[in-house]
Amino acid sequence: MKRKESKREKREMSEEGLQLVAARFRILSDPMRLRILQYLESGEQSVSAIAAAVDSTQPNVSKHLKILQEGAFLTRRQDGNTVYYAIGDATIFALCDLVCQNLEERQAKRVTLYR
């Protein structure tokens, strides 16, 4: 099997850079966090609306929202007693699209192997 050539410039990352990238991927490694990001793609929502949409408890969703906010994926706004979250880094969707496209291609190849 021939490996695809990368079109990007090869640059060696520093240890600190590798740690930062790994930390961002760790944040994205939880399916609940991905569900939250997917839901918030349509716009700002309250914590209770997010919890209902992802079918989870408010304390559980709040824990994940805090992690996503600390990772700069989300922004937080408070209006009285209600807290709202919105996407803070829209580039996350380009990354998700790239990963999903790759998975679809791999799955399609896998299926054709067994026909």
C-alpha atoms as a PDB file:
ATOM      1  CA  MET A   1       0.000   0.000   0.000  1.00  0.00           C
ATOM      2  CA  LYS A   2       1.420   3.334  -1.074  1.00  0.00           C
ATOM      3  CA  ARG A   3       1.474   6.147   1.486  1.00  0.00           C
ATOM      4  CA  LYS A   4       0.020   9.521   0.507  1.00  0.00           C
ATOM      5  CA  GLU A   5       2.590  12.266   0.371  1.00  0.00           C
ATOM      6  CA  SER A   6       1.928  15.166   2.713  1.00  0.00           C
ATOM      7  CA  LYS A   7       1.652  18.565   1.037  1.00  0.00           C
ATOM      8  CA  ARG A   8       2.520  20.486   4.164  1.00  0.00           C
ATOM      9  CA  GLU A   9       5.952  21.767   5.005  1.00  0.00           C
ATOM     10  CA  LYS A  10       7.778  19.459   7.403  1.00  0.00           C
ATOM     11  CA  ARG A  11       8.580  21.272  10.629  1.00  0.00           C
ATOM     12  CA  GLU A  12       9.821  19.651  13.782  1.00  0.00           C
ATOM     13  CA  MET A  13       7.800  20.644  16.829  1.00  0.00           C
ATOM     14  CA  SER A  14       9.365  21.531  20.146  1.00  0.00           C
ATOM     15  CA  GLU A  15       8.570  19.430  23.199  1.00  0.00           C
ATOM     16  CA  GLU A  16       6.412  22.266  24.520  1.00  0.00           C
ATOM     17  CA  GLY A  17       4.544  22.459  21.210  1.00  0.00           C
ATOM     18  CA  LEU A  18       3.929  18.696  21.246  1.00  0.00           C
ATOM     19  CA  GLN A  19       2.548  18.937  24.776  1.00  0.00           C
ATOM     20  CA  LEU A  20       0.192  21.766  23.786  1.00  0.00           C
ATOM     21  CA  VAL A  21      -1.118  19.863  20.756  1.00  0.00           C
ATOM     22  CA  ALA A  22      -1.565  16.689  22.802  1.00  0.00           C
ATOM     23  CA  ALA A  23      -3.516  18.634  25.444  1.00  0.00           C
ATOM     24  CA  ARG A  24      -5.917  19.998  22.798  1.00  0.00           C
ATOM     25  CA  PHE A  25      -6.486  16.526  21.376  1.00  0.00           C
ATOM     26  CA  ARG A  26      -7.107  15.162  24.900  1.00  0.00           C
ATOM     27  CA  ILE A  27      -9.866  17.723  25.345  1.00  0.00           C
ATOM     28  CA  LEU A  28     -11.466  16.515  22.116  1.00  0.00           C
ATOM     29  CA  SER A  29     -11.133  12.826  23.016  1.00  0.00           C
ATOM     30  CA  ASP A  30     -14.413  12.653  24.931  1.00  0.00           C
ATOM     31  CA  PRO A  31     -17.606  11.880  22.950  1.00  0.00           C
ATOM     32  CA  MET A  32     -19.716  14.068  25.263  1.00  0.00           C
ATOM     33  CA  ARG A  33     -17.511  17.072  24.500  1.00  0.00           C
ATOM     34  CA  LEU A  34     -17.856  16.398  20.786  1.00  0.00           C
ATOM     35  CA  ARG A  35     -21.657  16.217  21.189  1.00  0.00           C
ATOM     36  CA  ILE A  36     -21.605  19.574  22.973  1.00  0.00           C
ATOM     37  CA  LEU A  37     -19.470  21.167  20.254  1.00  0.00           C
ATOM     38  CA  GLN A  38     -21.745  19.745  17.576  1.00  0.00           C
ATOM     39  CA  TYR A  39     -24.809  21.165  19.312  1.00  0.00           C
ATOM     40  CA  LEU A  40     -23.214  24.589  19.796  1.00  0.00           C
ATOM     41  CA  GLU A  41     -22.308  24.810  16.111  1.00  0.00           C
ATOM     42  CA  SER A  42     -25.810  26.265  15.589  1.00  0.00           C
ATOM     43  CA  GLY A  43     -25.168  29.091  18.071  1.00  0.00           C
ATOM     44  CA  GLU A  44     -25.002  30.164  21.704  1.00  0.00           C
ATOM     45  CA  GLN A  45     -27.035  28.094  24.178  1.00  0.00           C
ATOM     46  CA  SER A  46     -27.706  27.983  27.908  1.00  0.00           C
ATOM     47  CA  VAL A  47     -26.300  25.205  30.069  1.00  0.00           C
ATOM     48  CA  SER A  48     -29.770  23.743  30.634  1.00  0.00           C
ATOM     49  CA  ALA A  49     -30.505  23.718  26.883  1.00  0.00           C
ATOM     50  CA  ILE A  50     -27.175  22.012  26.213  1.00  0.00           C
ATOM     51  CA  ALA A  51     -27.820  19.401  28.918  1.00  0.00           C
ATOM     52  CA  ALA A  52     -31.241  18.604  27.436  1.00  0.00           C
ATOM     53  CA  ALA A  53     -29.893  18.450  23.883  1.00  0.00           C
ATOM     54  CA  VAL A  54     -27.073  16.045  24.718  1.00  0.00           C
ATOM     55  CA  ASP A  55     -29.271  13.999  27.086  1.00  0.00           C
ATOM     56  CA  SER A  56     -27.108  14.439  30.165  1.00  0.00           C
ATOM     57  CA  THR A  57     -27.283  15.990  33.608  1.00  0.00           C
ATOM     58  CA  GLN A  58     -26.479  19.638  34.176  1.00  0.00           C
ATOM     59  CA  PRO A  59     -23.546  18.873  36.548  1.00  0.00           C
ATOM     60  CA  ASN A  60     -21.995  16.492  33.988  1.00  0.00           C
ATOM     61  CA  VAL A  61     -22.426  18.964  31.139  1.00  0.00           C
ATOM     62  CA  SER A  62     -21.043  21.809  33.292  1.00  0.00           C
ATOM     63  CA  LYS A  63     -17.889  19.764  33.949  1.00  0.00           C
ATOM     64  CA  HIS A  64     -17.354  19.261  30.205  1.00  0.00           C
ATOM     65  CA  LEU A  65     -18.191  22.884  29.390  1.00  0.00           C
ATOM     66  CA  LYS A  66     -15.534  24.055  31.844  1.00  0.00           C
ATOM     67  CA  ILE A  67     -12.907  21.849  30.186  1.00  0.00           C
ATOM     68  CA  LEU A  68     -13.886  23.088  26.713  1.00  0.00           C
ATOM     69  CA  GLN A  69     -13.796  26.701  27.898  1.00  0.00           C
ATOM     70  CA  GLU A  70     -10.395  26.288  29.551  1.00  0.00           C
ATOM     71  CA  GLY A  71      -9.138  24.868  26.258  1.00  0.00           C
ATOM     72  CA  ALA A  72     -10.446  28.001  24.463  1.00  0.00           C
ATOM     73  CA  PHE A  73     -12.928  25.996  22.388  1.00  0.00           C
ATOM     74  CA  LEU A  74     -15.872  27.825  24.003  1.00  0.00           C
ATOM     75  CA  THR A  75     -16.737  31.256  25.312  1.00  0.00           C
ATOM     76  CA  ARG A  76     -18.917  31.816  28.374  1.00  0.00           C
ATOM     77  CA  ARG A  77     -21.409  34.595  29.086  1.00  0.00           C
ATOM     78  CA  GLN A  78     -23.593  35.072  32.141  1.00  0.00           C
ATOM     79  CA  ASP A  79     -26.930  36.870  32.051  1.00  0.00           C
ATOM     80  CA  GLY A  80     -28.423  36.962  35.547  1.00  0.00           C
ATOM     81  CA  ASN A  81     -28.585  33.374  36.775  1.00  0.00           C
ATOM     82  CA  THR A  82     -28.274  31.871  33.301  1.00  0.00           C
ATOM     83  CA  VAL A  83     -24.920  30.927  31.786  1.00  0.00           C
ATOM     84  CA  TYR A  84     -24.527  30.728  28.018  1.00  0.00           C
ATOM     85  CA  TYR A  85     -21.819  29.051  25.991  1.00  0.00           C
ATOM     86  CA  ALA A  86     -20.808  29.551  22.367  1.00  0.00           C
ATOM     87  CA  ILE A  87     -18.054  28.331  20.082  1.00  0.00           C
ATOM     88  CA  GLY A  88     -14.861  30.261  20.768  1.00  0.00           C
ATOM     89  CA  ASP A  89     -12.678  28.633  18.105  1.00  0.00           C
ATOM     90  CA  ALA A  90     -14.557  27.771  14.908  1.00  0.00           C
ATOM     91  CA  THR A  91     -11.474  26.083  13.421  1.00  0.00           C
ATOM     92  CA  ILE A  92     -12.504  23.031  15.433  1.00  0.00           C
ATOM     93  CA  PHE A  93     -15.127  22.283  12.781  1.00  0.00           C
ATOM     94  CA  ALA A  94     -12.530  22.204  10.009  1.00  0.00           C
ATOM     95  CA  LEU A  95     -10.571  19.675  12.071  1.00  0.00           C
ATOM     96  CA  CYS A  96     -13.702  17.591  12.700  1.00  0.00           C
ATOM     97  CA  ASP A  97     -14.579  17.691   8.988  1.00  0.00           C
ATOM     98  CA  LEU A  98     -11.077  16.503   8.107  1.00  0.00           C
ATOM     99  CA  VAL A  99     -11.243  13.615  10.586  1.00  0.00           C
ATOM    100  CA  CYS A 100     -14.758  12.621   9.469  1.00  0.00           C
ATOM    101  CA  GLN A 101     -13.767  12.712   5.803  1.00  0.00           C
ATOM    102  CA  ASN A 102     -10.768  10.505   6.536  1.00  0.00           C
ATOM    103  CA  LEU A 103     -12.928   8.037   8.479  1.00  0.00           C
ATOM    104  CA  GLU A 104     -15.483   7.897   5.663  1.00  0.00           C
ATOM    105  CA  GLU A 105     -12.720   7.189   3.124  1.00  0.00           C
ATOM    106  CA  ARG A 106     -11.252   4.459   5.324  1.00  0.00           C
ATOM    107  CA  GLN A 107     -14.666   2.909   5.865  1.00  0.00           C
ATOM    108  CA  ALA A 108     -15.409   2.959   2.133  1.00  0.00           C
ATOM    109  CA  LYS A 109     -12.099   1.203   1.412  1.00  0.00           C
ATOM    110  CA  ARG A 110     -12.810  -1.360   4.104  1.00  0.00           C
ATOM    111  CA  VAL A 111     -16.210  -2.138   2.630  1.00  0.00           C
ATOM    112  CA  THR A 112     -14.813  -2.580  -0.881  1.00  0.00           C
ATOM    113  CA  LEU A 113     -12.243  -5.065   0.385  1.00  0.00           C
ATOM    114  CA  TYR A 114     -14.966  -7.526   1.363  1.00  0.00           C
ATOM    115  CA  ARG A 115     -17.301  -7.339  -1.661  1.00  0.00           C
END
